[in-house]
N, C-alpha and C. Protein backbone atom coordinates (compact mmCIF):
# COMPACT_ATOMS: atom_id res chain seq x y z
N UNK A 1 24.73 129.64 -60.69
CA UNK A 1 26.13 129.34 -60.90
C UNK A 1 26.83 130.61 -61.38
N UNK A 2 27.73 131.09 -60.58
CA UNK A 2 28.43 132.33 -60.89
C UNK A 2 29.77 132.02 -61.54
N UNK A 3 30.16 132.81 -62.53
CA UNK A 3 31.45 132.61 -63.20
C UNK A 3 32.59 132.82 -62.23
N UNK A 4 33.57 131.91 -62.24
CA UNK A 4 34.75 132.08 -61.41
C UNK A 4 36.04 131.73 -62.16
N UNK A 5 35.95 131.60 -63.50
CA UNK A 5 37.11 131.31 -64.33
C UNK A 5 37.29 132.48 -65.29
N UNK A 6 38.42 133.16 -65.18
CA UNK A 6 38.71 134.31 -66.03
C UNK A 6 39.10 133.92 -67.44
N UNK A 7 39.32 134.92 -68.28
CA UNK A 7 39.57 134.66 -69.71
C UNK A 7 40.89 133.93 -69.97
N UNK A 8 41.96 134.31 -69.30
CA UNK A 8 43.25 133.63 -69.50
C UNK A 8 43.16 132.20 -68.98
N UNK A 9 42.61 132.04 -67.80
CA UNK A 9 42.42 130.72 -67.21
C UNK A 9 41.54 129.87 -68.12
N UNK A 10 40.51 130.46 -68.66
CA UNK A 10 39.59 129.76 -69.54
C UNK A 10 40.29 129.26 -70.79
N UNK A 11 41.12 130.11 -71.38
CA UNK A 11 41.85 129.73 -72.59
C UNK A 11 42.75 128.53 -72.33
N UNK A 12 43.51 128.58 -71.23
CA UNK A 12 44.40 127.47 -70.90
C UNK A 12 43.61 126.19 -70.63
N UNK A 13 42.50 126.30 -69.94
CA UNK A 13 41.69 125.12 -69.64
C UNK A 13 41.16 124.46 -70.91
N UNK A 14 40.68 125.28 -71.84
CA UNK A 14 40.14 124.73 -73.08
C UNK A 14 41.24 124.07 -73.90
N UNK A 15 42.40 124.71 -74.00
CA UNK A 15 43.50 124.13 -74.77
C UNK A 15 43.99 122.84 -74.14
N UNK A 16 44.23 122.84 -72.82
CA UNK A 16 44.72 121.64 -72.14
C UNK A 16 43.69 120.51 -72.25
N UNK A 17 42.43 120.84 -72.05
CA UNK A 17 41.38 119.83 -72.17
C UNK A 17 41.29 119.25 -73.56
N UNK A 18 41.39 120.10 -74.57
CA UNK A 18 41.32 119.66 -75.96
C UNK A 18 42.51 118.75 -76.29
N UNK A 19 43.71 119.13 -75.83
CA UNK A 19 44.90 118.31 -76.08
C UNK A 19 44.77 116.95 -75.40
N UNK A 20 44.35 116.93 -74.14
CA UNK A 20 44.19 115.66 -73.43
C UNK A 20 43.14 114.77 -74.10
N UNK A 21 42.04 115.37 -74.53
CA UNK A 21 41.01 114.59 -75.21
C UNK A 21 41.52 114.06 -76.54
N UNK A 22 42.33 114.84 -77.24
CA UNK A 22 42.91 114.38 -78.50
C UNK A 22 43.89 113.25 -78.31
N UNK A 23 44.52 113.20 -77.16
CA UNK A 23 45.51 112.16 -76.90
C UNK A 23 44.89 110.81 -76.59
N UNK A 24 43.58 110.74 -76.52
CA UNK A 24 42.90 109.45 -76.32
C UNK A 24 43.26 108.50 -77.46
N UNK A 25 43.47 109.06 -78.64
CA UNK A 25 43.72 108.25 -79.82
C UNK A 25 45.16 107.75 -79.91
N UNK A 26 46.01 108.15 -78.98
CA UNK A 26 47.40 107.71 -78.98
C UNK A 26 47.62 106.76 -77.81
N UNK A 27 48.43 105.76 -78.04
CA UNK A 27 48.62 104.69 -77.06
C UNK A 27 49.16 105.13 -75.70
N UNK A 28 50.16 106.01 -75.60
CA UNK A 28 50.73 106.30 -74.27
C UNK A 28 49.72 106.84 -73.26
N UNK A 29 48.72 107.57 -73.69
CA UNK A 29 47.77 108.16 -72.76
C UNK A 29 46.52 107.30 -72.65
N UNK A 30 46.02 106.84 -73.75
CA UNK A 30 44.83 105.99 -73.77
C UNK A 30 43.62 106.68 -73.15
N UNK A 31 42.88 105.92 -72.34
CA UNK A 31 41.64 106.43 -71.75
C UNK A 31 41.87 107.48 -70.67
N UNK A 32 43.10 107.64 -70.21
CA UNK A 32 43.39 108.68 -69.23
C UNK A 32 43.13 110.06 -69.84
N UNK A 33 43.11 110.13 -71.14
CA UNK A 33 42.83 111.39 -71.81
C UNK A 33 41.44 111.93 -71.50
N UNK A 34 40.55 111.06 -71.04
CA UNK A 34 39.21 111.52 -70.67
C UNK A 34 39.24 112.50 -69.50
N UNK A 35 40.34 112.53 -68.77
CA UNK A 35 40.48 113.52 -67.70
C UNK A 35 40.47 114.93 -68.28
N UNK A 36 40.70 115.05 -69.57
CA UNK A 36 40.65 116.35 -70.23
C UNK A 36 39.25 116.94 -70.26
N UNK A 37 38.24 116.13 -69.99
CA UNK A 37 36.86 116.66 -69.96
C UNK A 37 36.68 117.70 -68.86
N UNK A 38 37.33 117.48 -67.72
CA UNK A 38 37.15 118.40 -66.59
C UNK A 38 37.62 119.82 -66.92
N UNK A 39 38.86 120.02 -67.39
CA UNK A 39 39.25 121.40 -67.70
C UNK A 39 38.50 121.95 -68.91
N UNK A 40 38.19 121.09 -69.88
CA UNK A 40 37.49 121.56 -71.08
C UNK A 40 36.09 122.08 -70.73
N UNK A 41 35.34 121.30 -69.96
CA UNK A 41 33.98 121.70 -69.59
C UNK A 41 33.99 122.91 -68.68
N UNK A 42 34.93 122.95 -67.72
CA UNK A 42 34.98 124.12 -66.84
C UNK A 42 35.40 125.37 -67.60
N UNK A 43 36.20 125.22 -68.66
CA UNK A 43 36.56 126.36 -69.49
C UNK A 43 35.39 126.84 -70.33
N UNK A 44 34.62 125.92 -70.86
CA UNK A 44 33.46 126.28 -71.68
C UNK A 44 32.40 126.99 -70.84
N UNK A 45 32.11 126.48 -69.65
CA UNK A 45 31.06 127.06 -68.81
C UNK A 45 31.55 128.17 -67.87
N UNK A 46 32.87 128.41 -67.86
CA UNK A 46 33.47 129.45 -67.02
C UNK A 46 33.19 129.26 -65.54
N UNK A 47 33.06 128.01 -65.13
CA UNK A 47 32.80 127.71 -63.73
C UNK A 47 33.61 126.48 -63.33
N UNK A 48 34.33 126.58 -62.22
CA UNK A 48 35.12 125.47 -61.70
C UNK A 48 34.62 125.17 -60.28
N UNK A 49 34.05 123.98 -60.07
CA UNK A 49 33.56 123.63 -58.74
C UNK A 49 34.66 123.64 -57.67
N UNK A 50 35.87 123.24 -58.04
CA UNK A 50 36.98 123.25 -57.09
C UNK A 50 37.33 124.67 -56.67
N UNK A 51 37.34 125.60 -57.63
CA UNK A 51 37.57 127.01 -57.30
C UNK A 51 36.50 127.50 -56.32
N UNK A 52 35.27 127.07 -56.53
CA UNK A 52 34.17 127.48 -55.67
C UNK A 52 34.38 126.98 -54.24
N UNK A 53 34.83 125.74 -54.09
CA UNK A 53 35.07 125.18 -52.76
C UNK A 53 36.20 125.90 -52.03
N UNK A 54 37.25 126.25 -52.78
CA UNK A 54 38.43 126.87 -52.18
C UNK A 54 38.26 128.38 -52.03
N UNK A 55 37.34 128.96 -52.79
CA UNK A 55 37.11 130.39 -52.71
C UNK A 55 37.92 131.20 -53.70
N UNK A 56 38.44 130.56 -54.75
CA UNK A 56 39.21 131.27 -55.77
C UNK A 56 38.28 131.85 -56.83
N UNK A 57 38.74 132.93 -57.44
CA UNK A 57 38.01 133.55 -58.52
C UNK A 57 39.03 134.27 -59.41
N UNK A 58 39.14 133.84 -60.68
CA UNK A 58 40.11 134.45 -61.57
C UNK A 58 39.47 135.46 -62.53
N UNK A 59 38.20 135.75 -62.32
CA UNK A 59 37.52 136.76 -63.12
C UNK A 59 37.91 138.15 -62.58
N UNK A 60 38.32 139.02 -63.48
CA UNK A 60 38.72 140.37 -63.07
C UNK A 60 37.49 141.13 -62.55
N UNK A 61 37.68 141.82 -61.47
CA UNK A 61 36.58 142.61 -60.88
C UNK A 61 36.27 143.82 -61.77
N UNK A 62 35.00 144.02 -62.04
CA UNK A 62 34.57 145.14 -62.86
C UNK A 62 34.03 146.22 -61.93
N UNK A 63 34.52 147.44 -62.08
CA UNK A 63 34.08 148.54 -61.23
C UNK A 63 33.10 149.41 -61.94
């Protein structure tokens, strides 16, 4: 599994995932907040399966 999520992308994914997971405890979102697991986990592991399918890579190339 090769990294395909860069540092800025990773930061946003972790924050968005954490916020969505936190919103589980509030009525308007409810269990839909579990969708926050996808960006949170992909941010932690620096790998996004959807990016892999589409061919995207937000990791800066190192020369």
